[in-house]
């Protein structure tokens, strides 16, 4: 999980010559993905032949560095990429023609504010030192947690460290708290040195992980058919993960080089989205967990931290037509 959705802003255009290596000349759609359970799960779809089942020709392109995958999509080097709603906003504000077409999952516990055993409440957290990766999803989690409990970042002392270093600083007692994601959440819990005061489960809908496609690819009739097949394959994948978590964890853990039993601990903290969940996510802003509803909350965080210029037209960044076609 070393490259979990780290940045919330990206360079939109870059030179990526030689970065992407085709895996199959048969593939119609080239899809980037990196280290997060909701995206590594695409390999379950591949190995279980769900793409073939629905006639989808898909090439999965692995990116060790998540940022590179976002840049590749924005530069038109990919047909689609696995990225967060938040990381799609800077490209959208800059006019990059991309669309969210599927929500893979919501983080539902895999991101957490871990605190020392003596800290029992947010009142106890006041004035304490918190390690996190500044401007990352972890930073967003902290700001949200504090706001929900009548506090601001000024009430605590933030130390900017990478997620791994933040976990190490916490375990060594150098800081009072840390905002990290798995596998560090699980490691801290098992150590007995800390517990979760707030997790992404407490902020439903605010960390959506999605499949984001280039408009040009969606306009291609053949590729559009492949994307619809991907969506159908995703629904089968979610059912398989829920029915066979051990086997799914074995497949997914091999991709990222972890023990299957350790990887299985990440699954409960990931709310994988079925068809009904997706239709709700792409629904109206009256649903507080929909993409349209959480968009302004995420946008505010980005703008408050000077990570976003311009305005995002959230509705233009969403395309639910493929979901509806897949449903029929």
C-alpha atoms as a PDB file:
ATOM      1  CA  UNK A   1       0.000   0.000   0.000  1.00  0.00           C
ATOM      2  CA  UNK A   2       2.962   2.294  -0.337  1.00  0.00           C
ATOM      3  CA  UNK A   3       1.516   4.405  -3.118  1.00  0.00           C
ATOM      4  CA  UNK A   4      -2.027   4.827  -1.836  1.00  0.00           C
ATOM      5  CA  UNK A   5      -3.557   7.878  -3.542  1.00  0.00           C
ATOM      6  CA  UNK A   6      -0.907  10.173  -2.076  1.00  0.00           C
ATOM      7  CA  UNK A   7      -1.324  13.506  -3.876  1.00  0.00           C
ATOM      8  CA  UNK A   8      -4.449  15.621  -4.172  1.00  0.00           C
ATOM      9  CA  UNK A   9      -3.026  17.738  -6.994  1.00  0.00           C
ATOM     10  CA  UNK A  10      -1.054  16.696 -10.038  1.00  0.00           C
ATOM     11  CA  UNK A  11       0.940  18.089 -12.923  1.00  0.00           C
ATOM     12  CA  UNK A  12      -1.475  17.800 -15.794  1.00  0.00           C
ATOM     13  CA  UNK A  13       0.873  17.412 -18.727  1.00  0.00           C
ATOM     14  CA  UNK A  14       4.166  15.605 -18.686  1.00  0.00           C
ATOM     15  CA  UNK A  15       6.406  13.484 -20.857  1.00  0.00           C
ATOM     16  CA  UNK A  16       5.820   9.803 -20.169  1.00  0.00           C
ATOM     17  CA  UNK A  17       7.708   8.288 -23.075  1.00  0.00           C
ATOM     18  CA  UNK A  18       8.612   4.695 -22.374  1.00  0.00           C
ATOM     19  CA  UNK A  19       6.556   4.523 -19.166  1.00  0.00           C
ATOM     20  CA  UNK A  20       3.723   2.350 -20.415  1.00  0.00           C
ATOM     21  CA  UNK A  21       4.535  -1.081 -21.746  1.00  0.00           C
ATOM     22  CA  UNK A  22       1.747  -2.824 -23.686  1.00  0.00           C
ATOM     23  CA  UNK A  23       0.895  -6.216 -22.278  1.00  0.00           C
ATOM     24  CA  UNK A  24      -1.279  -7.381 -25.113  1.00  0.00           C
ATOM     25  CA  UNK A  25      -1.744  -6.235 -28.687  1.00  0.00           C
ATOM     26  CA  UNK A  26      -5.312  -7.533 -28.416  1.00  0.00           C
ATOM     27  CA  UNK A  27      -6.324  -4.973 -25.799  1.00  0.00           C
ATOM     28  CA  UNK A  28      -8.753  -2.269 -26.807  1.00  0.00           C
ATOM     29  CA  UNK A  29      -8.756  -0.163 -23.640  1.00  0.00           C
ATOM     30  CA  UNK A  30      -5.620   0.634 -21.674  1.00  0.00           C
ATOM     31  CA  UNK A  31      -6.405   1.157 -17.981  1.00  0.00           C
ATOM     32  CA  UNK A  32      -3.956   2.396 -15.351  1.00  0.00           C
ATOM     33  CA  UNK A  33      -4.061   1.268 -11.754  1.00  0.00           C
ATOM     34  CA  UNK A  34      -1.935   1.350  -8.626  1.00  0.00           C
ATOM     35  CA  UNK A  35      -1.787   0.094  -5.067  1.00  0.00           C
ATOM     36  CA  UNK A  36      -5.214   0.302  -3.437  1.00  0.00           C
ATOM     37  CA  UNK A  37      -7.589  -2.646  -2.771  1.00  0.00           C
ATOM     38  CA  UNK A  38     -10.413  -1.215  -4.862  1.00  0.00           C
ATOM     39  CA  UNK A  39      -8.068  -1.005  -7.841  1.00  0.00           C
ATOM     40  CA  UNK A  40      -5.901  -4.091  -7.302  1.00  0.00           C
ATOM     41  CA  UNK A  41      -9.230  -5.938  -7.443  1.00  0.00           C
ATOM     42  CA  UNK A  42      -9.201  -5.462 -11.214  1.00  0.00           C
ATOM     43  CA  UNK A  43      -6.653  -8.280 -11.281  1.00  0.00           C
ATOM     44  CA  UNK A  44      -9.302 -10.541  -9.757  1.00  0.00           C
ATOM     45  CA  UNK A  45     -11.534  -9.654 -12.714  1.00  0.00           C
ATOM     46  CA  UNK A  46      -8.688 -10.459 -15.083  1.00  0.00           C
ATOM     47  CA  UNK A  47      -7.669 -13.764 -13.496  1.00  0.00           C
ATOM     48  CA  UNK A  48     -11.263 -14.939 -13.098  1.00  0.00           C
ATOM     49  CA  UNK A  49     -11.907 -14.215 -16.784  1.00  0.00           C
ATOM     50  CA  UNK A  50     -14.698 -11.758 -16.052  1.00  0.00           C
ATOM     51  CA  UNK A  51     -13.427  -9.445 -18.803  1.00  0.00           C
ATOM     52  CA  UNK A  52     -13.672 -12.304 -21.286  1.00  0.00           C
ATOM     53  CA  UNK A  53     -17.118 -13.204 -19.976  1.00  0.00           C
ATOM     54  CA  UNK A  54     -18.419  -9.805 -21.034  1.00  0.00           C
ATOM     55  CA  UNK A  55     -16.324  -9.429 -24.159  1.00  0.00           C
ATOM     56  CA  UNK A  56     -14.180  -6.625 -22.777  1.00  0.00           C
ATOM     57  CA  UNK A  57     -10.658  -6.321 -24.162  1.00  0.00           C
ATOM     58  CA  UNK A  58      -8.715  -4.690 -21.350  1.00  0.00           C
ATOM     59  CA  UNK A  59      -5.041  -4.064 -20.738  1.00  0.00           C
ATOM     60  CA  UNK A  60      -4.254  -3.350 -17.085  1.00  0.00           C
ATOM     61  CA  UNK A  61      -1.188  -1.102 -16.748  1.00  0.00           C
ATOM     62  CA  UNK A  62       0.466  -1.143 -13.319  1.00  0.00           C
ATOM     63  CA  UNK A  63       1.937   2.075 -11.929  1.00  0.00           C
ATOM     64  CA  UNK A  64       4.225   1.774  -8.873  1.00  0.00           C
ATOM     65  CA  UNK A  65       3.769   5.532  -8.454  1.00  0.00           C
ATOM     66  CA  UNK A  66       0.126   6.613  -8.321  1.00  0.00           C
ATOM     67  CA  UNK A  67       0.931  10.171  -9.387  1.00  0.00           C
ATOM     68  CA  UNK A  68       2.343   8.896 -12.671  1.00  0.00           C
ATOM     69  CA  UNK A  69      -0.948   7.206 -13.501  1.00  0.00           C
ATOM     70  CA  UNK A  70      -2.904  10.442 -13.019  1.00  0.00           C
ATOM     71  CA  UNK A  71      -0.452  12.303 -15.223  1.00  0.00           C
ATOM     72  CA  UNK A  72      -0.668   9.568 -17.857  1.00  0.00           C
ATOM     73  CA  UNK A  73      -4.447   9.878 -18.066  1.00  0.00           C
ATOM     74  CA  UNK A  74      -4.330  13.673 -18.219  1.00  0.00           C
ATOM     75  CA  UNK A  75      -1.722  13.468 -20.985  1.00  0.00           C
ATOM     76  CA  UNK A  76      -3.866  11.043 -22.994  1.00  0.00           C
ATOM     77  CA  UNK A  77      -1.475   8.112 -22.549  1.00  0.00           C
ATOM     78  CA  UNK A  78      -4.239   5.950 -21.076  1.00  0.00           C
ATOM     79  CA  UNK A  79      -7.867   5.345 -22.005  1.00  0.00           C
ATOM     80  CA  UNK A  80      -8.791   5.273 -18.329  1.00  0.00           C
ATOM     81  CA  UNK A  81      -7.209   5.323 -14.894  1.00  0.00           C
ATOM     82  CA  UNK A  82      -7.991   4.276 -11.343  1.00  0.00           C
ATOM     83  CA  UNK A  83      -7.973   7.473  -9.297  1.00  0.00           C
ATOM     84  CA  UNK A  84      -9.900   9.327  -6.612  1.00  0.00           C
ATOM     85  CA  UNK A  85     -12.653  11.881  -7.119  1.00  0.00           C
ATOM     86  CA  UNK A  86     -10.416  14.433  -5.393  1.00  0.00           C
ATOM     87  CA  UNK A  87      -7.474  13.767  -7.730  1.00  0.00           C
ATOM     88  CA  UNK A  88      -9.750  14.209 -10.732  1.00  0.00           C
ATOM     89  CA  UNK A  89     -10.730  17.759  -9.799  1.00  0.00           C
ATOM     90  CA  UNK A  90      -7.539  19.592 -10.804  1.00  0.00           C
ATOM     91  CA  UNK A  91      -7.601  18.071 -14.314  1.00  0.00           C
ATOM     92  CA  UNK A  92     -11.319  18.860 -14.637  1.00  0.00           C
ATOM     93  CA  UNK A  93     -10.785  22.467 -13.525  1.00  0.00           C
ATOM     94  CA  UNK A  94      -8.016  22.730 -16.123  1.00  0.00           C
ATOM     95  CA  UNK A  95     -10.325  21.503 -18.870  1.00  0.00           C
ATOM     96  CA  UNK A  96      -8.928  17.994 -19.289  1.00  0.00           C
ATOM     97  CA  UNK A  97     -11.741  15.930 -20.916  1.00  0.00           C
ATOM     98  CA  UNK A  98     -12.163  13.102 -18.413  1.00  0.00           C
ATOM     99  CA  UNK A  99     -15.220  11.459 -16.858  1.00  0.00           C
ATOM    100  CA  UNK A 100     -15.826   9.294 -13.797  1.00  0.00           C
ATOM    101  CA  UNK A 101     -17.706   6.259 -15.086  1.00  0.00           C
ATOM    102  CA  UNK A 102     -17.592   3.831 -12.124  1.00  0.00           C
ATOM    103  CA  UNK A 103     -16.996   3.990  -8.374  1.00  0.00           C
ATOM    104  CA  UNK A 104     -14.913   1.001  -7.309  1.00  0.00           C
ATOM    105  CA  UNK A 105     -15.124   1.670  -3.589  1.00  0.00           C
ATOM    106  CA  UNK A 106     -15.149   4.072  -0.693  1.00  0.00           C
ATOM    107  CA  UNK A 107     -12.482   3.954   1.960  1.00  0.00           C
ATOM    108  CA  UNK A 108     -14.387   2.675   4.992  1.00  0.00           C
ATOM    109  CA  UNK A 109     -11.765   2.331   7.709  1.00  0.00           C
ATOM    110  CA  UNK A 110      -8.527   1.880   5.775  1.00  0.00           C
ATOM    111  CA  UNK A 111      -7.598   5.502   6.524  1.00  0.00           C
ATOM    112  CA  UNK A 112      -7.489   6.401  10.217  1.00  0.00           C
ATOM    113  CA  UNK A 113      -6.411   8.884  12.872  1.00  0.00           C
ATOM    114  CA  UNK A 114      -4.414   6.717  15.262  1.00  0.00           C
ATOM    115  CA  UNK A 115      -3.780   8.017  18.781  1.00  0.00           C
ATOM    116  CA  UNK A 116      -2.029   6.933  21.967  1.00  0.00           C
ATOM    117  CA  UNK A 117      -4.093   4.868  24.441  1.00  0.00           C
ATOM    118  CA  UNK A 118      -4.318   7.847  26.816  1.00  0.00           C
ATOM    119  CA  UNK A 119      -6.163   9.916  24.206  1.00  0.00           C
ATOM    120  CA  UNK A 120      -9.823   9.000  24.527  1.00  0.00           C
ATOM    121  CA  UNK A 121     -11.542  11.960  22.866  1.00  0.00           C
ATOM    122  CA  UNK A 122     -10.933  14.908  20.578  1.00  0.00           C
ATOM    123  CA  UNK A 123     -10.748  17.122  23.660  1.00  0.00           C
ATOM    124  CA  UNK A 124      -7.706  15.068  24.701  1.00  0.00           C
ATOM    125  CA  UNK A 125      -6.205  15.646  21.253  1.00  0.00           C
ATOM    126  CA  UNK A 126      -6.012  19.430  21.631  1.00  0.00           C
ATOM    127  CA  UNK A 127      -2.420  20.692  21.527  1.00  0.00           C
ATOM    128  CA  UNK A 128      -1.061  17.256  20.607  1.00  0.00           C
ATOM    129  CA  UNK A 129       1.386  16.505  17.790  1.00  0.00           C
ATOM    130  CA  UNK A 130      -0.006  14.655  14.773  1.00  0.00           C
ATOM    131  CA  UNK A 131       2.148  13.196  11.996  1.00  0.00           C
ATOM    132  CA  UNK A 132       0.710  12.908   8.495  1.00  0.00           C
ATOM    133  CA  UNK A 133       1.495  13.430   4.841  1.00  0.00           C
ATOM    134  CA  UNK A 134       0.552  17.028   4.183  1.00  0.00           C
ATOM    135  CA  UNK A 135      -2.068  17.669   1.466  1.00  0.00           C
ATOM    136  CA  UNK A 136      -2.696  13.945   1.075  1.00  0.00           C
ATOM    137  CA  UNK A 137      -5.899  12.015   1.744  1.00  0.00           C
ATOM    138  CA  UNK A 138      -4.598  11.698   5.327  1.00  0.00           C
ATOM    139  CA  UNK A 139      -4.590  15.477   5.652  1.00  0.00           C
ATOM    140  CA  UNK A 140      -8.161  15.557   4.343  1.00  0.00           C
ATOM    141  CA  UNK A 141      -9.155  12.922   6.917  1.00  0.00           C
ATOM    142  CA  UNK A 142      -7.696  15.008   9.757  1.00  0.00           C
ATOM    143  CA  UNK A 143      -9.355  18.249   8.640  1.00  0.00           C
ATOM    144  CA  UNK A 144     -12.699  16.445   8.345  1.00  0.00           C
ATOM    145  CA  UNK A 145     -12.312  14.731  11.718  1.00  0.00           C
ATOM    146  CA  UNK A 146     -11.477  17.983  13.489  1.00  0.00           C
ATOM    147  CA  UNK A 147     -14.344  19.859  11.844  1.00  0.00           C
ATOM    148  CA  UNK A 148     -16.826  17.162  12.845  1.00  0.00           C
ATOM    149  CA  UNK A 149     -15.686  17.594  16.434  1.00  0.00           C
ATOM    150  CA  UNK A 150     -15.693  21.382  16.645  1.00  0.00           C
ATOM    151  CA  UNK A 151     -11.950  21.824  16.131  1.00  0.00           C
ATOM    152  CA  UNK A 152      -9.580  23.181  13.480  1.00  0.00           C
ATOM    153  CA  UNK A 153      -5.999  22.342  12.472  1.00  0.00           C
ATOM    154  CA  UNK A 154      -4.893  25.282  14.640  1.00  0.00           C
ATOM    155  CA  UNK A 155      -5.902  23.215  17.689  1.00  0.00           C
ATOM    156  CA  UNK A 156      -3.180  20.636  17.015  1.00  0.00           C
ATOM    157  CA  UNK A 157       0.433  20.523  15.852  1.00  0.00           C
ATOM    158  CA  UNK A 158       0.883  18.886  12.452  1.00  0.00           C
ATOM    159  CA  UNK A 159       4.197  17.276  11.485  1.00  0.00           C
ATOM    160  CA  UNK A 160       4.645  16.608   7.761  1.00  0.00           C
ATOM    161  CA  UNK A 161       5.952  13.050   7.208  1.00  0.00           C
ATOM    162  CA  UNK A 162       5.313  10.351   4.625  1.00  0.00           C
ATOM    163  CA  UNK A 163       2.767   7.780   5.747  1.00  0.00           C
ATOM    164  CA  UNK A 164       5.409   5.173   6.579  1.00  0.00           C
ATOM    165  CA  UNK A 165       7.509   7.670   8.498  1.00  0.00           C
ATOM    166  CA  UNK A 166       4.427   8.973  10.301  1.00  0.00           C
ATOM    167  CA  UNK A 167       3.612   5.443  11.470  1.00  0.00           C
ATOM    168  CA  UNK A 168       7.212   4.901  12.573  1.00  0.00           C
ATOM    169  CA  UNK A 169       7.235   8.202  14.473  1.00  0.00           C
ATOM    170  CA  UNK A 170       4.047   7.209  16.250  1.00  0.00           C
ATOM    171  CA  UNK A 171       5.232   3.709  17.140  1.00  0.00           C
ATOM    172  CA  UNK A 172       8.481   5.121  18.541  1.00  0.00           C
ATOM    173  CA  UNK A 173       6.559   7.596  20.696  1.00  0.00           C
ATOM    174  CA  UNK A 174       7.876  10.711  18.948  1.00  0.00           C
ATOM    175  CA  UNK A 175       4.364  11.970  18.159  1.00  0.00           C
ATOM    176  CA  UNK A 176       1.027  11.675  19.935  1.00  0.00           C
ATOM    177  CA  UNK A 177      -0.989  10.688  16.883  1.00  0.00           C
ATOM    178  CA  UNK A 178      -0.692   9.862  13.196  1.00  0.00           C
ATOM    179  CA  UNK A 179      -3.057   9.750  10.262  1.00  0.00           C
ATOM    180  CA  UNK A 180      -2.140   6.762   8.098  1.00  0.00           C
ATOM    181  CA  UNK A 181      -3.691   4.066   5.948  1.00  0.00           C
ATOM    182  CA  UNK A 182      -3.313   0.322   5.837  1.00  0.00           C
ATOM    183  CA  UNK A 183      -1.086  -1.594   6.348  1.00  0.00           C
ATOM    184  CA  UNK A 184       0.042   0.904   9.015  1.00  0.00           C
ATOM    185  CA  UNK A 185      -3.375   1.168  10.661  1.00  0.00           C
ATOM    186  CA  UNK A 186      -3.349  -2.570  11.253  1.00  0.00           C
ATOM    187  CA  UNK A 187       0.286  -2.570  12.411  1.00  0.00           C
ATOM    188  CA  UNK A 188      -0.396   0.127  15.009  1.00  0.00           C
ATOM    189  CA  UNK A 189      -3.475  -1.686  16.269  1.00  0.00           C
ATOM    190  CA  UNK A 190      -1.583  -4.978  16.594  1.00  0.00           C
ATOM    191  CA  UNK A 191       1.279  -3.245  18.428  1.00  0.00           C
ATOM    192  CA  UNK A 192      -1.059  -2.177  21.229  1.00  0.00           C
ATOM    193  CA  UNK A 193       0.481   1.296  21.122  1.00  0.00           C
ATOM    194  CA  UNK A 194      -2.516   3.036  19.629  1.00  0.00           C
ATOM    195  CA  UNK A 195      -6.130   2.947  18.607  1.00  0.00           C
ATOM    196  CA  UNK A 196      -8.307   4.671  16.015  1.00  0.00           C
ATOM    197  CA  UNK A 197     -10.034   7.840  17.191  1.00  0.00           C
ATOM    198  CA  UNK A 198     -11.537   8.513  13.765  1.00  0.00           C
ATOM    199  CA  UNK A 199     -11.537   6.553  10.512  1.00  0.00           C
ATOM    200  CA  UNK A 200     -12.720   6.988   6.944  1.00  0.00           C
ATOM    201  CA  UNK A 201     -15.762   4.972   7.983  1.00  0.00           C
ATOM    202  CA  UNK A 202     -16.811   8.088   9.924  1.00  0.00           C
ATOM    203  CA  UNK A 203     -16.831  10.181   6.735  1.00  0.00           C
ATOM    204  CA  UNK A 204     -18.951   8.070   4.337  1.00  0.00           C
ATOM    205  CA  UNK A 205     -18.791   8.989   0.692  1.00  0.00           C
ATOM    206  CA  UNK A 206     -15.921  11.448   1.057  1.00  0.00           C
ATOM    207  CA  UNK A 207     -13.133   9.209  -0.278  1.00  0.00           C
ATOM    208  CA  UNK A 208     -14.465   7.673  -3.502  1.00  0.00           C
ATOM    209  CA  UNK A 209     -12.044   5.618  -5.592  1.00  0.00           C
ATOM    210  CA  UNK A 210     -13.092   5.485  -9.206  1.00  0.00           C
ATOM    211  CA  UNK A 211     -12.537   4.462 -12.792  1.00  0.00           C
ATOM    212  CA  UNK A 212     -11.948   7.662 -14.764  1.00  0.00           C
ATOM    213  CA  UNK A 213     -11.922   7.645 -18.561  1.00  0.00           C
ATOM    214  CA  UNK A 214     -10.817   9.959 -21.341  1.00  0.00           C
ATOM    215  CA  UNK A 215     -13.789  11.416 -23.221  1.00  0.00           C
ATOM    216  CA  UNK A 216     -12.092  10.473 -26.499  1.00  0.00           C
ATOM    217  CA  UNK A 217     -12.095   6.815 -25.467  1.00  0.00           C
ATOM    218  CA  UNK A 218     -15.751   6.992 -24.444  1.00  0.00           C
ATOM    219  CA  UNK A 219     -16.625   8.387 -27.871  1.00  0.00           C
ATOM    220  CA  UNK A 220     -15.036   5.368 -29.549  1.00  0.00           C
ATOM    221  CA  UNK A 221     -17.821   2.801 -30.089  1.00  0.00           C
ATOM    222  CA  UNK A 222     -15.533  -0.209 -29.667  1.00  0.00           C
ATOM    223  CA  UNK A 223     -13.855   1.108 -26.520  1.00  0.00           C
ATOM    224  CA  UNK A 224     -17.192   2.163 -25.074  1.00  0.00           C
ATOM    225  CA  UNK A 225     -18.370  -1.438 -25.419  1.00  0.00           C
ATOM    226  CA  UNK A 226     -15.235  -2.574 -23.595  1.00  0.00           C
ATOM    227  CA  UNK A 227     -15.885  -0.132 -20.760  1.00  0.00           C
ATOM    228  CA  UNK A 228     -19.443  -1.403 -20.378  1.00  0.00           C
ATOM    229  CA  UNK A 229     -18.040  -4.932 -20.231  1.00  0.00           C
ATOM    230  CA  UNK A 230     -15.562  -3.758 -17.575  1.00  0.00           C
ATOM    231  CA  UNK A 231     -18.403  -2.409 -15.464  1.00  0.00           C
ATOM    232  CA  UNK A 232     -20.263  -5.718 -15.650  1.00  0.00           C
ATOM    233  CA  UNK A 233     -17.022  -7.545 -14.815  1.00  0.00           C
ATOM    234  CA  UNK A 234     -16.568  -5.271 -11.802  1.00  0.00           C
ATOM    235  CA  UNK A 235     -19.918  -6.277 -10.340  1.00  0.00           C
ATOM    236  CA  UNK A 236     -18.950  -9.957 -10.654  1.00  0.00           C
ATOM    237  CA  UNK A 237     -15.609  -9.150  -9.045  1.00  0.00           C
ATOM    238  CA  UNK A 238     -17.233  -7.557  -6.002  1.00  0.00           C
ATOM    239  CA  UNK A 239     -19.489 -10.584  -5.559  1.00  0.00           C
ATOM    240  CA  UNK A 240     -16.469 -12.887  -5.805  1.00  0.00           C
ATOM    241  CA  UNK A 241     -14.463 -10.912  -3.227  1.00  0.00           C
ATOM    242  CA  UNK A 242     -17.366 -11.041  -0.794  1.00  0.00           C
ATOM    243  CA  UNK A 243     -17.998 -14.746  -1.358  1.00  0.00           C
ATOM    244  CA  UNK A 244     -14.335 -15.838  -1.477  1.00  0.00           C
ATOM    245  CA  UNK A 245     -12.245 -13.301   0.493  1.00  0.00           C
ATOM    246  CA  UNK A 246      -9.395 -15.781   1.059  1.00  0.00           C
ATOM    247  CA  UNK A 247      -8.940 -16.533  -2.624  1.00  0.00           C
ATOM    248  CA  UNK A 248      -9.375 -12.874  -3.586  1.00  0.00           C
ATOM    249  CA  UNK A 249      -6.739 -11.844  -1.041  1.00  0.00           C
ATOM    250  CA  UNK A 250      -4.315 -14.399  -2.505  1.00  0.00           C
ATOM    251  CA  UNK A 251      -4.718 -12.926  -5.975  1.00  0.00           C
ATOM    252  CA  UNK A 252      -4.473  -9.316  -4.812  1.00  0.00           C
ATOM    253  CA  UNK A 253      -1.596  -9.843  -2.383  1.00  0.00           C
ATOM    254  CA  UNK A 254       0.635 -11.305  -5.091  1.00  0.00           C
ATOM    255  CA  UNK A 255       0.279  -8.138  -7.147  1.00  0.00           C
ATOM    256  CA  UNK A 256       1.652  -5.946  -4.329  1.00  0.00           C
ATOM    257  CA  UNK A 257       4.044  -8.456  -2.770  1.00  0.00           C
ATOM    258  CA  UNK A 258       2.306  -8.937   0.574  1.00  0.00           C
ATOM    259  CA  UNK A 259       1.252 -11.960   2.599  1.00  0.00           C
ATOM    260  CA  UNK A 260      -2.315 -13.001   1.764  1.00  0.00           C
ATOM    261  CA  UNK A 261      -3.366 -13.034   5.421  1.00  0.00           C
ATOM    262  CA  UNK A 262      -2.046  -9.526   5.924  1.00  0.00           C
ATOM    263  CA  UNK A 263      -3.769  -8.320   2.772  1.00  0.00           C
ATOM    264  CA  UNK A 264      -7.074  -9.762   3.895  1.00  0.00           C
ATOM    265  CA  UNK A 265      -7.131  -7.268   6.775  1.00  0.00           C
ATOM    266  CA  UNK A 266      -7.488  -4.462   4.205  1.00  0.00           C
ATOM    267  CA  UNK A 267     -10.725  -5.805   2.747  1.00  0.00           C
ATOM    268  CA  UNK A 268     -13.117  -4.869   5.599  1.00  0.00           C
ATOM    269  CA  UNK A 269     -11.859  -1.278   5.437  1.00  0.00           C
ATOM    270  CA  UNK A 270     -12.802  -1.069   1.774  1.00  0.00           C
ATOM    271  CA  UNK A 271     -16.466  -0.710   0.873  1.00  0.00           C
ATOM    272  CA  UNK A 272     -16.602  -2.285  -2.572  1.00  0.00           C
ATOM    273  CA  UNK A 273     -19.421  -0.879  -4.696  1.00  0.00           C
ATOM    274  CA  UNK A 274     -22.108  -3.036  -6.264  1.00  0.00           C
ATOM    275  CA  UNK A 275     -24.401  -1.874  -9.057  1.00  0.00           C
ATOM    276  CA  UNK A 276     -26.932  -0.311  -6.678  1.00  0.00           C
ATOM    277  CA  UNK A 277     -24.159   1.538  -4.825  1.00  0.00           C
ATOM    278  CA  UNK A 278     -22.918   2.989  -8.100  1.00  0.00           C
ATOM    279  CA  UNK A 279     -26.327   4.164  -9.211  1.00  0.00           C
ATOM    280  CA  UNK A 280     -26.701   5.935  -5.858  1.00  0.00           C
ATOM    281  CA  UNK A 281     -23.207   7.443  -6.067  1.00  0.00           C
ATOM    282  CA  UNK A 282     -24.025   8.962  -9.451  1.00  0.00           C
ATOM    283  CA  UNK A 283     -27.385  10.174  -8.160  1.00  0.00           C
ATOM    284  CA  UNK A 284     -28.536  13.673  -7.182  1.00  0.00           C
ATOM    285  CA  UNK A 285     -26.841  15.896  -4.617  1.00  0.00           C
ATOM    286  CA  UNK A 286     -29.799  15.327  -2.285  1.00  0.00           C
ATOM    287  CA  UNK A 287     -28.069  12.051  -1.423  1.00  0.00           C
ATOM    288  CA  UNK A 288     -25.342  13.216   1.008  1.00  0.00           C
ATOM    289  CA  UNK A 289     -22.959  10.442  -0.085  1.00  0.00           C
ATOM    290  CA  UNK A 290     -23.307  11.019  -3.828  1.00  0.00           C
ATOM    291  CA  UNK A 291     -20.416  12.311  -5.897  1.00  0.00           C
ATOM    292  CA  UNK A 292     -22.304  15.540  -6.543  1.00  0.00           C
ATOM    293  CA  UNK A 293     -22.883  16.061  -2.810  1.00  0.00           C
ATOM    294  CA  UNK A 294     -19.336  15.381  -1.621  1.00  0.00           C
ATOM    295  CA  UNK A 295     -17.711  17.237  -4.513  1.00  0.00           C
ATOM    296  CA  UNK A 296     -17.977  20.721  -2.950  1.00  0.00           C
ATOM    297  CA  UNK A 297     -16.586  19.435   0.368  1.00  0.00           C
ATOM    298  CA  UNK A 298     -13.524  18.017  -1.343  1.00  0.00           C
ATOM    299  CA  UNK A 299     -13.165  21.111  -3.517  1.00  0.00           C
ATOM    300  CA  UNK A 300     -13.141  23.344  -0.431  1.00  0.00           C
ATOM    301  CA  UNK A 301     -10.297  21.366   1.118  1.00  0.00           C
ATOM    302  CA  UNK A 302      -8.292  21.622  -2.102  1.00  0.00           C
ATOM    303  CA  UNK A 303      -8.859  25.351  -2.426  1.00  0.00           C
ATOM    304  CA  UNK A 304      -8.206  26.051   1.261  1.00  0.00           C
ATOM    305  CA  UNK A 305      -4.803  24.434   0.804  1.00  0.00           C
ATOM    306  CA  UNK A 306      -4.145  26.104  -2.560  1.00  0.00           C
ATOM    307  CA  UNK A 307      -4.206  22.778  -4.379  1.00  0.00           C
ATOM    308  CA  UNK A 308      -6.837  23.745  -6.900  1.00  0.00           C
ATOM    309  CA  UNK A 309      -7.198  26.665  -9.279  1.00  0.00           C
ATOM    310  CA  UNK A 310     -10.391  27.426 -11.120  1.00  0.00           C
ATOM    311  CA  UNK A 311     -13.824  25.945 -10.633  1.00  0.00           C
ATOM    312  CA  UNK A 312     -14.953  22.360 -11.035  1.00  0.00           C
ATOM    313  CA  UNK A 313     -18.208  21.669 -12.837  1.00  0.00           C
ATOM    314  CA  UNK A 314     -18.946  18.444 -10.988  1.00  0.00           C
ATOM    315  CA  UNK A 315     -21.749  17.320 -13.278  1.00  0.00           C
ATOM    316  CA  UNK A 316     -19.455  17.557 -16.319  1.00  0.00           C
ATOM    317  CA  UNK A 317     -16.994  15.244 -14.606  1.00  0.00           C
ATOM    318  CA  UNK A 318     -19.531  12.439 -14.269  1.00  0.00           C
ATOM    319  CA  UNK A 319     -21.000  10.092 -16.875  1.00  0.00           C
ATOM    320  CA  UNK A 320     -23.527   7.552 -15.639  1.00  0.00           C
ATOM    321  CA  UNK A 321     -24.645   6.499 -19.116  1.00  0.00           C
ATOM    322  CA  UNK A 322     -22.346   3.469 -19.163  1.00  0.00           C
ATOM    323  CA  UNK A 323     -23.668   2.310 -15.776  1.00  0.00           C
ATOM    324  CA  UNK A 324     -27.202   2.520 -17.166  1.00  0.00           C
ATOM    325  CA  UNK A 325     -26.254   0.630 -20.307  1.00  0.00           C
ATOM    326  CA  UNK A 326     -24.554  -2.039 -18.189  1.00  0.00           C
ATOM    327  CA  UNK A 327     -27.699  -2.317 -16.065  1.00  0.00           C
ATOM    328  CA  UNK A 328     -29.729  -3.187 -19.147  1.00  0.00           C
END
